[in-house]
């Protein structure tokens, strides 16, 4: 018995919809920032990271949970009035340990 496997590569988060429409199993690899940031936050003791698509969603969620940290970027720049950007180097244990983090990024959280 021979099984056929197809692999489709979509480079941008917005293109993941094609995979959803095809019924694909989707694997997201964002090695440059988002996933590295999430892993670093969790390794440094964060209780959890809540990925959201938009800045508005992040701010709305933060208004409901002001004790949670706001983190994110747009076009590789830290968002104004956010506690953290999207560099793994910012997610130090003394800042994130025991806290929830709301994260929004240009492409990574949209892909998730």
PDB file of N, CA and C in Angstrom:
ATOM      1  N   UNK A   1       0.840  -1.183   0.000  1.00  0.00           N
ATOM      2  CA  UNK A   1       0.000   0.000   0.000  1.00  0.00           C
ATOM      3  C   UNK A   1       0.882   1.243   0.000  1.00  0.00           C
ATOM      4  N   UNK A   2       0.621   2.156  -0.884  1.00  0.00           N
ATOM      5  CA  UNK A   2       1.371   3.399  -0.981  1.00  0.00           C
ATOM      6  C   UNK A   2       0.486   4.567  -0.573  1.00  0.00           C
ATOM      7  N   UNK A   3       1.024   5.402   0.315  1.00  0.00           N
ATOM      8  CA  UNK A   3       0.313   6.599   0.748  1.00  0.00           C
ATOM      9  C   UNK A   3       0.905   7.813   0.055  1.00  0.00           C
ATOM     10  N   UNK A   4       0.041   8.686  -0.399  1.00  0.00           N
ATOM     11  CA  UNK A   4       0.490   9.937  -0.998  1.00  0.00           C
ATOM     12  C   UNK A   4       0.410  11.042   0.042  1.00  0.00           C
ATOM     13  N   UNK A   5       1.454  11.817   0.111  1.00  0.00           N
ATOM     14  CA  UNK A   5       1.482  12.947   1.028  1.00  0.00           C
ATOM     15  C   UNK A   5       1.819  14.203   0.245  1.00  0.00           C
ATOM     16  N   UNK A   6       1.073  15.232   0.485  1.00  0.00           N
ATOM     17  CA  UNK A   6       1.355  16.530  -0.117  1.00  0.00           C
ATOM     18  C   UNK A   6       1.772  17.493   0.976  1.00  0.00           C
ATOM     19  N   UNK A   7       2.707  18.351   0.661  1.00  0.00           N
ATOM     20  CA  UNK A   7       3.137  19.383   1.594  1.00  0.00           C
ATOM     21  C   UNK A   7       2.926  20.726   0.913  1.00  0.00           C
ATOM     22  N   UNK A   8       2.219  21.609   1.587  1.00  0.00           N
ATOM     23  CA  UNK A   8       1.992  22.962   1.082  1.00  0.00           C
ATOM     24  C   UNK A   8       2.684  23.932   2.028  1.00  0.00           C
ATOM     25  N   UNK A   9       3.394  24.874   1.482  1.00  0.00           N
ATOM     26  CA  UNK A   9       4.085  25.870   2.279  1.00  0.00           C
ATOM     27  C   UNK A   9       3.415  27.226   2.088  1.00  0.00           C
ATOM     28  N   UNK A  10       2.960  27.785   3.182  1.00  0.00           N
ATOM     29  CA  UNK A  10       2.403  29.141   3.176  1.00  0.00           C
ATOM     30  C   UNK A  10       3.326  29.966   4.046  1.00  0.00           C
ATOM     31  N   UNK A  11       3.805  31.065   3.551  1.00  0.00           N
ATOM     32  CA  UNK A  11       4.813  31.833   4.248  1.00  0.00           C
ATOM     33  C   UNK A  11       4.233  32.859   5.223  1.00  0.00           C
ATOM     34  N   UNK A  12       3.104  33.425   4.907  1.00  0.00           N
ATOM     35  CA  UNK A  12       2.510  34.466   5.751  1.00  0.00           C
ATOM     36  C   UNK A  12       1.308  33.942   6.520  1.00  0.00           C
ATOM     37  N   UNK A  13       1.089  34.497   7.701  1.00  0.00           N
ATOM     38  CA  UNK A  13      -0.028  34.067   8.538  1.00  0.00           C
ATOM     39  C   UNK A  13      -1.353  34.186   7.806  1.00  0.00           C
ATOM     40  N   UNK A  14      -1.523  35.252   7.033  1.00  0.00           N
ATOM     41  CA  UNK A  14      -2.788  35.457   6.325  1.00  0.00           C
ATOM     42  C   UNK A  14      -3.078  34.335   5.329  1.00  0.00           C
ATOM     43  N   UNK A  15      -2.039  33.641   4.884  1.00  0.00           N
ATOM     44  CA  UNK A  15      -2.216  32.562   3.913  1.00  0.00           C
ATOM     45  C   UNK A  15      -2.616  31.232   4.558  1.00  0.00           C
ATOM     46  N   UNK A  16      -2.628  31.178   5.893  1.00  0.00           N
ATOM     47  CA  UNK A  16      -3.036  29.943   6.584  1.00  0.00           C
ATOM     48  C   UNK A  16      -4.491  29.597   6.270  1.00  0.00           C
ATOM     49  N   UNK A  17      -5.290  30.575   5.890  1.00  0.00           N
ATOM     50  CA  UNK A  17      -6.697  30.319   5.538  1.00  0.00           C
ATOM     51  C   UNK A  17      -6.795  29.312   4.391  1.00  0.00           C
ATOM     52  N   UNK A  18      -5.836  29.365   3.474  1.00  0.00           N
ATOM     53  CA  UNK A  18      -5.843  28.392   2.370  1.00  0.00           C
ATOM     54  C   UNK A  18      -5.762  26.972   2.908  1.00  0.00           C
ATOM     55  N   UNK A  19      -4.893  26.766   3.876  1.00  0.00           N
ATOM     56  CA  UNK A  19      -4.748  25.446   4.481  1.00  0.00           C
ATOM     57  C   UNK A  19      -6.006  25.013   5.214  1.00  0.00           C
ATOM     58  N   UNK A  20      -6.623  25.947   5.902  1.00  0.00           N
ATOM     59  CA  UNK A  20      -7.881  25.655   6.594  1.00  0.00           C
ATOM     60  C   UNK A  20      -8.939  25.237   5.575  1.00  0.00           C
ATOM     61  N   UNK A  21      -9.038  25.975   4.480  1.00  0.00           N
ATOM     62  CA  UNK A  21     -10.025  25.656   3.439  1.00  0.00           C
ATOM     63  C   UNK A  21      -9.767  24.297   2.791  1.00  0.00           C
ATOM     64  N   UNK A  22      -8.489  23.903   2.703  1.00  0.00           N
ATOM     65  CA  UNK A  22      -8.159  22.595   2.129  1.00  0.00           C
ATOM     66  C   UNK A  22      -8.366  21.467   3.142  1.00  0.00           C
ATOM     67  N   UNK A  23      -8.482  21.804   4.428  1.00  0.00           N
ATOM     68  CA  UNK A  23      -8.605  20.792   5.469  1.00  0.00           C
ATOM     69  C   UNK A  23      -7.256  20.227   5.881  1.00  0.00           C
ATOM     70  N   UNK A  24      -6.196  21.004   5.673  1.00  0.00           N
ATOM     71  CA  UNK A  24      -4.838  20.558   5.996  1.00  0.00           C
ATOM     72  C   UNK A  24      -4.608  20.456   7.496  1.00  0.00           C
ATOM     73  N   UNK A  25      -3.633  19.665   7.870  1.00  0.00           N
ATOM     74  CA  UNK A  25      -3.049  19.731   9.196  1.00  0.00           C
ATOM     75  C   UNK A  25      -2.054  20.882   9.102  1.00  0.00           C
ATOM     76  N   UNK A  26      -2.145  21.842  10.004  1.00  0.00           N
ATOM     77  CA  UNK A  26      -1.322  23.037   9.904  1.00  0.00           C
ATOM     78  C   UNK A  26      -0.274  23.041  11.004  1.00  0.00           C
ATOM     79  N   UNK A  27       0.946  23.257  10.598  1.00  0.00           N
ATOM     80  CA  UNK A  27       2.066  23.392  11.532  1.00  0.00           C
ATOM     81  C   UNK A  27       2.610  24.793  11.360  1.00  0.00           C
ATOM     82  N   UNK A  28       2.705  25.518  12.462  1.00  0.00           N
ATOM     83  CA  UNK A  28       3.181  26.897  12.413  1.00  0.00           C
ATOM     84  C   UNK A  28       4.602  26.952  12.943  1.00  0.00           C
ATOM     85  N   UNK A  29       5.481  27.507  12.152  1.00  0.00           N
ATOM     86  CA  UNK A  29       6.865  27.685  12.572  1.00  0.00           C
ATOM     87  C   UNK A  29       7.197  29.162  12.435  1.00  0.00           C
ATOM     88  N   UNK A  30       7.422  29.787  13.551  1.00  0.00           N
ATOM     89  CA  UNK A  30       7.770  31.199  13.573  1.00  0.00           C
ATOM     90  C   UNK A  30       9.030  31.314  14.420  1.00  0.00           C
ATOM     91  N   UNK A  31      10.115  30.808  13.905  1.00  0.00           N
ATOM     92  CA  UNK A  31      11.330  30.679  14.698  1.00  0.00           C
ATOM     93  C   UNK A  31      12.006  31.994  15.027  1.00  0.00           C
ATOM     94  N   UNK A  32      11.668  33.033  14.310  1.00  0.00           N
ATOM     95  CA  UNK A  32      12.373  34.281  14.531  1.00  0.00           C
ATOM     96  C   UNK A  32      11.946  35.014  15.787  1.00  0.00           C
ATOM     97  N   UNK A  33      10.679  35.006  16.110  1.00  0.00           N
ATOM     98  CA  UNK A  33      10.247  35.775  17.261  1.00  0.00           C
ATOM     99  C   UNK A  33       9.149  35.132  18.093  1.00  0.00           C
ATOM    100  N   UNK A  34       7.956  35.077  17.577  1.00  0.00           N
ATOM    101  CA  UNK A  34       6.779  34.774  18.384  1.00  0.00           C
ATOM    102  C   UNK A  34       6.920  33.479  19.187  1.00  0.00           C
ATOM    103  N   UNK A  35       7.193  32.384  18.514  1.00  0.00           N
ATOM    104  CA  UNK A  35       7.264  31.117  19.253  1.00  0.00           C
ATOM    105  C   UNK A  35       8.452  31.091  20.202  1.00  0.00           C
ATOM    106  N   UNK A  36       9.570  31.708  19.815  1.00  0.00           N
ATOM    107  CA  UNK A  36      10.724  31.796  20.717  1.00  0.00           C
ATOM    108  C   UNK A  36      10.386  32.629  21.947  1.00  0.00           C
ATOM    109  N   UNK A  37       9.627  33.682  21.755  1.00  0.00           N
ATOM    110  CA  UNK A  37       9.213  34.538  22.861  1.00  0.00           C
ATOM    111  C   UNK A  37       8.299  33.774  23.823  1.00  0.00           C
ATOM    112  N   UNK A  38       7.344  33.046  23.274  1.00  0.00           N
ATOM    113  CA  UNK A  38       6.419  32.271  24.119  1.00  0.00           C
ATOM    114  C   UNK A  38       7.179  31.218  24.923  1.00  0.00           C
ATOM    115  N   UNK A  39       8.065  30.496  24.273  1.00  0.00           N
ATOM    116  CA  UNK A  39       8.841  29.458  24.959  1.00  0.00           C
ATOM    117  C   UNK A  39       9.703  30.071  26.060  1.00  0.00           C
ATOM    118  N   UNK A  40      10.333  31.202  25.763  1.00  0.00           N
ATOM    119  CA  UNK A  40      11.169  31.868  26.764  1.00  0.00           C
ATOM    120  C   UNK A  40      10.334  32.317  27.955  1.00  0.00           C
ATOM    121  N   UNK A  41       9.169  32.894  27.690  1.00  0.00           N
ATOM    122  CA  UNK A  41       8.292  33.341  28.786  1.00  0.00           C
ATOM    123  C   UNK A  41       7.911  32.169  29.685  1.00  0.00           C
ATOM    124  N   UNK A  42       7.517  31.058  29.081  1.00  0.00           N
ATOM    125  CA  UNK A  42       7.110  29.891  29.866  1.00  0.00           C
ATOM    126  C   UNK A  42       8.298  29.293  30.621  1.00  0.00           C
ATOM    127  N   UNK A  43       9.447  29.237  29.976  1.00  0.00           N
ATOM    128  CA  UNK A  43      10.640  28.709  30.642  1.00  0.00           C
ATOM    129  C   UNK A  43      11.034  29.575  31.840  1.00  0.00           C
ATOM    130  N   UNK A  44      10.749  30.863  31.741  1.00  0.00           N
ATOM    131  CA  UNK A  44      11.081  31.775  32.833  1.00  0.00           C
ATOM    132  C   UNK A  44       9.953  31.942  33.842  1.00  0.00           C
ATOM    133  N   UNK A  45       8.997  31.019  33.816  1.00  0.00           N
ATOM    134  CA  UNK A  45       8.008  30.950  34.883  1.00  0.00           C
ATOM    135  C   UNK A  45       6.681  31.638  34.655  1.00  0.00           C
ATOM    136  N   UNK A  46       6.427  32.144  33.444  1.00  0.00           N
ATOM    137  CA  UNK A  46       5.110  32.739  33.193  1.00  0.00           C
ATOM    138  C   UNK A  46       4.035  31.677  33.384  1.00  0.00           C
ATOM    139  N   UNK A  47       2.900  32.068  33.960  1.00  0.00           N
ATOM    140  CA  UNK A  47       1.779  31.127  34.140  1.00  0.00           C
ATOM    141  C   UNK A  47       1.173  30.727  32.809  1.00  0.00           C
ATOM    142  N   UNK A  48       1.196  31.650  31.844  1.00  0.00           N
ATOM    143  CA  UNK A  48       0.627  31.370  30.537  1.00  0.00           C
ATOM    144  C   UNK A  48       0.797  32.548  29.615  1.00  0.00           C
ATOM    145  N   UNK A  49       0.703  32.272  28.321  1.00  0.00           N
ATOM    146  CA  UNK A  49       0.756  33.313  27.301  1.00  0.00           C
ATOM    147  C   UNK A  49      -0.527  33.207  26.486  1.00  0.00           C
ATOM    148  N   UNK A  50      -1.248  34.295  26.400  1.00  0.00           N
ATOM    149  CA  UNK A  50      -2.509  34.330  25.670  1.00  0.00           C
ATOM    150  C   UNK A  50      -2.269  35.083  24.362  1.00  0.00           C
ATOM    151  N   UNK A  51      -2.180  34.351  23.235  1.00  0.00           N
ATOM    152  CA  UNK A  51      -1.975  35.034  21.957  1.00  0.00           C
ATOM    153  C   UNK A  51      -3.287  35.605  21.432  1.00  0.00           C
ATOM    154  N   UNK A  52      -3.245  36.849  20.969  1.00  0.00           N
ATOM    155  CA  UNK A  52      -4.415  37.483  20.376  1.00  0.00           C
ATOM    156  C   UNK A  52      -4.009  38.116  19.053  1.00  0.00           C
ATOM    157  N   UNK A  53      -4.985  38.281  18.165  1.00  0.00           N
ATOM    158  CA  UNK A  53      -4.693  38.784  16.817  1.00  0.00           C
ATOM    159  C   UNK A  53      -4.406  40.275  16.773  1.00  0.00           C
ATOM    160  N   UNK A  54      -5.193  41.053  17.495  1.00  0.00           N
ATOM    161  CA  UNK A  54      -5.117  42.502  17.304  1.00  0.00           C
ATOM    162  C   UNK A  54      -4.703  43.234  18.578  1.00  0.00           C
ATOM    163  N   UNK A  55      -4.224  44.455  18.375  1.00  0.00           N
ATOM    164  CA  UNK A  55      -3.882  45.327  19.497  1.00  0.00           C
ATOM    165  C   UNK A  55      -5.137  45.612  20.310  1.00  0.00           C
ATOM    166  N   UNK A  56      -6.242  45.851  19.623  1.00  0.00           N
ATOM    167  CA  UNK A  56      -7.505  46.137  20.308  1.00  0.00           C
ATOM    168  C   UNK A  56      -7.913  44.966  21.209  1.00  0.00           C
ATOM    169  N   UNK A  57      -7.798  43.731  20.709  1.00  0.00           N
ATOM    170  CA  UNK A  57      -8.111  42.565  21.544  1.00  0.00           C
ATOM    171  C   UNK A  57      -7.208  42.513  22.763  1.00  0.00           C
ATOM    172  N   UNK A  58      -5.925  42.800  22.571  1.00  0.00           N
ATOM    173  CA  UNK A  58      -4.970  42.768  23.681  1.00  0.00           C
ATOM    174  C   UNK A  58      -5.347  43.785  24.752  1.00  0.00           C
ATOM    175  N   UNK A  59      -5.635  45.002  24.332  1.00  0.00           N
ATOM    176  CA  UNK A  59      -5.977  46.071  25.282  1.00  0.00           C
ATOM    177  C   UNK A  59      -7.294  45.754  25.995  1.00  0.00           C
ATOM    178  N   UNK A  60      -8.277  45.259  25.259  1.00  0.00           N
ATOM    179  CA  UNK A  60      -9.565  44.901  25.862  1.00  0.00           C
ATOM    180  C   UNK A  60      -9.385  43.816  26.921  1.00  0.00           C
ATOM    181  N   UNK A  61      -8.594  42.805  26.616  1.00  0.00           N
ATOM    182  CA  UNK A  61      -8.335  41.719  27.569  1.00  0.00           C
ATOM    183  C   UNK A  61      -7.558  42.247  28.775  1.00  0.00           C
ATOM    184  N   UNK A  62      -6.612  43.140  28.542  1.00  0.00           N
ATOM    185  CA  UNK A  62      -5.843  43.721  29.637  1.00  0.00           C
ATOM    186  C   UNK A  62      -6.729  44.571  30.541  1.00  0.00           C
ATOM    187  N   UNK A  63      -7.704  45.264  29.969  1.00  0.00           N
ATOM    188  CA  UNK A  63      -8.633  46.052  30.791  1.00  0.00           C
ATOM    189  C   UNK A  63      -9.439  45.153  31.731  1.00  0.00           C
ATOM    190  N   UNK A  64      -9.734  43.924  31.297  1.00  0.00           N
ATOM    191  CA  UNK A  64     -10.446  42.964  32.149  1.00  0.00           C
ATOM    192  C   UNK A  64      -9.524  42.334  33.188  1.00  0.00           C
ATOM    193  N   UNK A  65      -8.234  42.254  32.854  1.00  0.00           N
ATOM    194  CA  UNK A  65      -7.232  41.624  33.730  1.00  0.00           C
ATOM    195  C   UNK A  65      -5.996  42.524  33.814  1.00  0.00           C
ATOM    196  N   UNK A  66      -6.104  43.648  34.514  1.00  0.00           N
ATOM    197  CA  UNK A  66      -4.994  44.616  34.539  1.00  0.00           C
ATOM    198  C   UNK A  66      -3.706  44.084  35.161  1.00  0.00           C
ATOM    199  N   UNK A  67      -3.785  42.992  35.880  1.00  0.00           N
ATOM    200  CA  UNK A  67      -2.582  42.413  36.479  1.00  0.00           C
ATOM    201  C   UNK A  67      -1.764  41.601  35.464  1.00  0.00           C
ATOM    202  N   UNK A  68      -2.351  41.287  34.318  1.00  0.00           N
ATOM    203  CA  UNK A  68      -1.635  40.568  33.256  1.00  0.00           C
ATOM    204  C   UNK A  68      -0.754  41.538  32.491  1.00  0.00           C
ATOM    205  N   UNK A  69       0.369  41.048  31.992  1.00  0.00           N
ATOM    206  CA  UNK A  69       1.290  41.878  31.222  1.00  0.00           C
ATOM    207  C   UNK A  69       0.854  41.970  29.765  1.00  0.00           C
ATOM    208  N   UNK A  70       1.056  43.132  29.177  1.00  0.00           N
ATOM    209  CA  UNK A  70       0.797  43.339  27.748  1.00  0.00           C
ATOM    210  C   UNK A  70       2.126  43.253  27.009  1.00  0.00           C
ATOM    211  N   UNK A  71       2.173  42.444  25.978  1.00  0.00           N
ATOM    212  CA  UNK A  71       3.391  42.316  25.187  1.00  0.00           C
ATOM    213  C   UNK A  71       3.017  42.286  23.710  1.00  0.00           C
ATOM    214  N   UNK A  72       3.864  42.881  22.882  1.00  0.00           N
ATOM    215  CA  UNK A  72       3.591  42.799  21.464  1.00  0.00           C
ATOM    216  C   UNK A  72       4.366  43.785  20.631  1.00  0.00           C
ATOM    217  N   UNK A  73       4.197  43.618  19.329  1.00  0.00           N
ATOM    218  CA  UNK A  73       4.853  44.480  18.365  1.00  0.00           C
ATOM    219  C   UNK A  73       4.027  44.566  17.096  1.00  0.00           C
ATOM    220  N   UNK A  74       4.336  45.586  16.328  1.00  0.00           N
ATOM    221  CA  UNK A  74       3.845  45.714  14.969  1.00  0.00           C
ATOM    222  C   UNK A  74       5.020  46.196  14.131  1.00  0.00           C
ATOM    223  N   UNK A  75       5.290  45.456  13.072  1.00  0.00           N
ATOM    224  CA  UNK A  75       6.433  45.763  12.192  1.00  0.00           C
ATOM    225  C   UNK A  75       7.742  45.859  12.976  1.00  0.00           C
ATOM    226  N   UNK A  76       7.908  44.911  13.919  1.00  0.00           N
ATOM    227  CA  UNK A  76       9.128  44.754  14.731  1.00  0.00           C
ATOM    228  C   UNK A  76       9.365  45.864  15.748  1.00  0.00           C
ATOM    229  N   UNK A  77       8.372  46.704  16.005  1.00  0.00           N
ATOM    230  CA  UNK A  77       8.514  47.759  17.002  1.00  0.00           C
ATOM    231  C   UNK A  77       7.561  47.506  18.166  1.00  0.00           C
ATOM    232  N   UNK A  78       8.106  47.631  19.379  1.00  0.00           N
ATOM    233  CA  UNK A  78       7.306  47.475  20.590  1.00  0.00           C
ATOM    234  C   UNK A  78       6.134  48.444  20.551  1.00  0.00           C
ATOM    235  N   UNK A  79       4.982  47.965  20.997  1.00  0.00           N
ATOM    236  CA  UNK A  79       3.775  48.791  21.004  1.00  0.00           C
ATOM    237  C   UNK A  79       3.782  49.769  22.173  1.00  0.00           C
ATOM    238  N   UNK A  80       3.322  50.965  21.899  1.00  0.00           N
ATOM    239  CA  UNK A  80       3.268  52.013  22.915  1.00  0.00           C
ATOM    240  C   UNK A  80       2.358  51.590  24.070  1.00  0.00           C
ATOM    241  N   UNK A  81       2.785  51.860  25.275  1.00  0.00           N
ATOM    242  CA  UNK A  81       2.066  51.549  26.518  1.00  0.00           C
ATOM    243  C   UNK A  81       2.002  50.059  26.826  1.00  0.00           C
ATOM    244  N   UNK A  82       2.761  49.241  26.110  1.00  0.00           N
ATOM    245  CA  UNK A  82       2.845  47.815  26.422  1.00  0.00           C
ATOM    246  C   UNK A  82       4.048  47.595  27.335  1.00  0.00           C
ATOM    247  N   UNK A  83       3.951  46.594  28.214  1.00  0.00           N
ATOM    248  CA  UNK A  83       5.029  46.307  29.151  1.00  0.00           C
ATOM    249  C   UNK A  83       6.260  45.742  28.451  1.00  0.00           C
ATOM    250  N   UNK A  84       6.023  44.889  27.458  1.00  0.00           N
ATOM    251  CA  UNK A  84       7.103  44.189  26.765  1.00  0.00           C
ATOM    252  C   UNK A  84       6.862  44.219  25.267  1.00  0.00           C
ATOM    253  N   UNK A  85       7.930  44.034  24.514  1.00  0.00           N
ATOM    254  CA  UNK A  85       7.811  43.917  23.065  1.00  0.00           C
ATOM    255  C   UNK A  85       7.651  42.454  22.681  1.00  0.00           C
ATOM    256  N   UNK A  86       8.437  42.014  21.701  1.00  0.00           N
ATOM    257  CA  UNK A  86       8.365  40.629  21.245  1.00  0.00           C
ATOM    258  C   UNK A  86       9.753  40.026  21.097  1.00  0.00           C
ATOM    259  N   UNK A  87      10.693  40.495  21.877  1.00  0.00           N
ATOM    260  CA  UNK A  87      12.026  39.899  21.869  1.00  0.00           C
ATOM    261  C   UNK A  87      12.133  38.930  23.042  1.00  0.00           C
ATOM    262  N   UNK A  88      12.562  37.708  22.779  1.00  0.00           N
ATOM    263  CA  UNK A  88      12.745  36.764  23.893  1.00  0.00           C
ATOM    264  C   UNK A  88      13.647  37.322  24.990  1.00  0.00           C
ATOM    265  N   UNK A  89      14.567  38.190  24.637  1.00  0.00           N
ATOM    266  CA  UNK A  89      15.491  38.759  25.620  1.00  0.00           C
ATOM    267  C   UNK A  89      14.784  39.624  26.660  1.00  0.00           C
ATOM    268  N   UNK A  90      13.607  40.136  26.339  1.00  0.00           N
ATOM    269  CA  UNK A  90      12.851  40.976  27.277  1.00  0.00           C
ATOM    270  C   UNK A  90      12.136  40.160  28.359  1.00  0.00           C
ATOM    271  N   UNK A  91      11.896  38.880  28.096  1.00  0.00           N
ATOM    272  CA  UNK A  91      11.046  38.071  28.966  1.00  0.00           C
ATOM    273  C   UNK A  91      11.865  37.412  30.075  1.00  0.00           C
ATOM    274  N   UNK A  92      12.477  38.250  30.883  1.00  0.00           N
ATOM    275  CA  UNK A  92      13.327  37.798  31.983  1.00  0.00           C
ATOM    276  C   UNK A  92      12.461  37.257  33.125  1.00  0.00           C
ATOM    277  N   UNK A  93      13.030  36.297  33.832  1.00  0.00           N
ATOM    278  CA  UNK A  93      12.310  35.644  34.935  1.00  0.00           C
ATOM    279  C   UNK A  93      11.735  36.666  35.911  1.00  0.00           C
ATOM    280  N   UNK A  94      12.520  37.660  36.276  1.00  0.00           N
ATOM    281  CA  UNK A  94      12.051  38.628  37.284  1.00  0.00           C
ATOM    282  C   UNK A  94      10.866  39.462  36.802  1.00  0.00           C
ATOM    283  N   UNK A  95      10.623  39.503  35.506  1.00  0.00           N
ATOM    284  CA  UNK A  95       9.484  40.247  34.969  1.00  0.00           C
ATOM    285  C   UNK A  95       8.247  39.380  34.738  1.00  0.00           C
ATOM    286  N   UNK A  96       8.455  38.114  34.365  1.00  0.00           N
ATOM    287  CA  UNK A  96       7.312  37.303  33.917  1.00  0.00           C
ATOM    288  C   UNK A  96       6.914  36.168  34.855  1.00  0.00           C
ATOM    289  N   UNK A  97       7.768  35.840  35.789  1.00  0.00           N
ATOM    290  CA  UNK A  97       7.477  34.697  36.661  1.00  0.00           C
ATOM    291  C   UNK A  97       6.158  34.877  37.399  1.00  0.00           C
ATOM    292  N   UNK A  98       5.289  33.867  37.291  1.00  0.00           N
ATOM    293  CA  UNK A  98       4.010  33.871  37.982  1.00  0.00           C
ATOM    294  C   UNK A  98       2.937  34.738  37.341  1.00  0.00           C
ATOM    295  N   UNK A  99       3.205  35.254  36.145  1.00  0.00           N
ATOM    296  CA  UNK A  99       2.249  36.160  35.510  1.00  0.00           C
ATOM    297  C   UNK A  99       1.718  35.598  34.198  1.00  0.00           C
ATOM    298  N   UNK A 100       0.525  36.054  33.842  1.00  0.00           N
ATOM    299  CA  UNK A 100      -0.020  35.785  32.514  1.00  0.00           C
ATOM    300  C   UNK A 100       0.419  36.919  31.590  1.00  0.00           C
ATOM    301  N   UNK A 101       0.632  36.577  30.328  1.00  0.00           N
ATOM    302  CA  UNK A 101       1.073  37.557  29.350  1.00  0.00           C
ATOM    303  C   UNK A 101       0.118  37.528  28.160  1.00  0.00           C
ATOM    304  N   UNK A 102      -0.392  38.684  27.797  1.00  0.00           N
ATOM    305  CA  UNK A 102      -1.213  38.835  26.591  1.00  0.00           C
ATOM    306  C   UNK A 102      -0.248  39.258  25.487  1.00  0.00           C
ATOM    307  N   UNK A 103      -0.197  38.487  24.412  1.00  0.00           N
ATOM    308  CA  UNK A 103       0.780  38.740  23.350  1.00  0.00           C
ATOM    309  C   UNK A 103       0.103  38.920  22.002  1.00  0.00           C
ATOM    310  N   UNK A 104       0.480  39.987  21.309  1.00  0.00           N
ATOM    311  CA  UNK A 104       0.017  40.207  19.936  1.00  0.00           C
ATOM    312  C   UNK A 104       1.220  40.572  19.080  1.00  0.00           C
ATOM    313  N   UNK A 105       1.321  39.937  17.901  1.00  0.00           N
ATOM    314  CA  UNK A 105       2.438  40.210  17.007  1.00  0.00           C
ATOM    315  C   UNK A 105       1.914  40.385  15.578  1.00  0.00           C
ATOM    316  N   UNK A 106       2.767  40.913  14.737  1.00  0.00           N
ATOM    317  CA  UNK A 106       2.377  41.183  13.364  1.00  0.00           C
ATOM    318  C   UNK A 106       1.880  39.928  12.663  1.00  0.00           C
ATOM    319  N   UNK A 107       2.625  38.831  12.757  1.00  0.00           N
ATOM    320  CA  UNK A 107       2.229  37.598  12.061  1.00  0.00           C
ATOM    321  C   UNK A 107       2.089  36.377  12.976  1.00  0.00           C
ATOM    322  N   UNK A 108       2.961  36.237  13.951  1.00  0.00           N
ATOM    323  CA  UNK A 108       3.001  35.010  14.762  1.00  0.00           C
ATOM    324  C   UNK A 108       1.709  34.677  15.475  1.00  0.00           C
ATOM    325  N   UNK A 109       1.150  35.623  16.209  1.00  0.00           N
ATOM    326  CA  UNK A 109      -0.091  35.319  16.949  1.00  0.00           C
ATOM    327  C   UNK A 109      -1.273  35.171  16.003  1.00  0.00           C
ATOM    328  N   UNK A 110      -1.226  35.849  14.870  1.00  0.00           N
ATOM    329  CA  UNK A 110      -2.294  35.671  13.869  1.00  0.00           C
ATOM    330  C   UNK A 110      -2.247  34.255  13.296  1.00  0.00           C
ATOM    331  N   UNK A 111      -1.054  33.740  13.101  1.00  0.00           N
ATOM    332  CA  UNK A 111      -0.916  32.370  12.603  1.00  0.00           C
ATOM    333  C   UNK A 111      -1.418  31.360  13.631  1.00  0.00           C
ATOM    334  N   UNK A 112      -1.095  31.601  14.877  1.00  0.00           N
ATOM    335  CA  UNK A 112      -1.549  30.686  15.937  1.00  0.00           C
ATOM    336  C   UNK A 112      -3.044  30.674  15.996  1.00  0.00           C
TER     337      UNK A 112
END
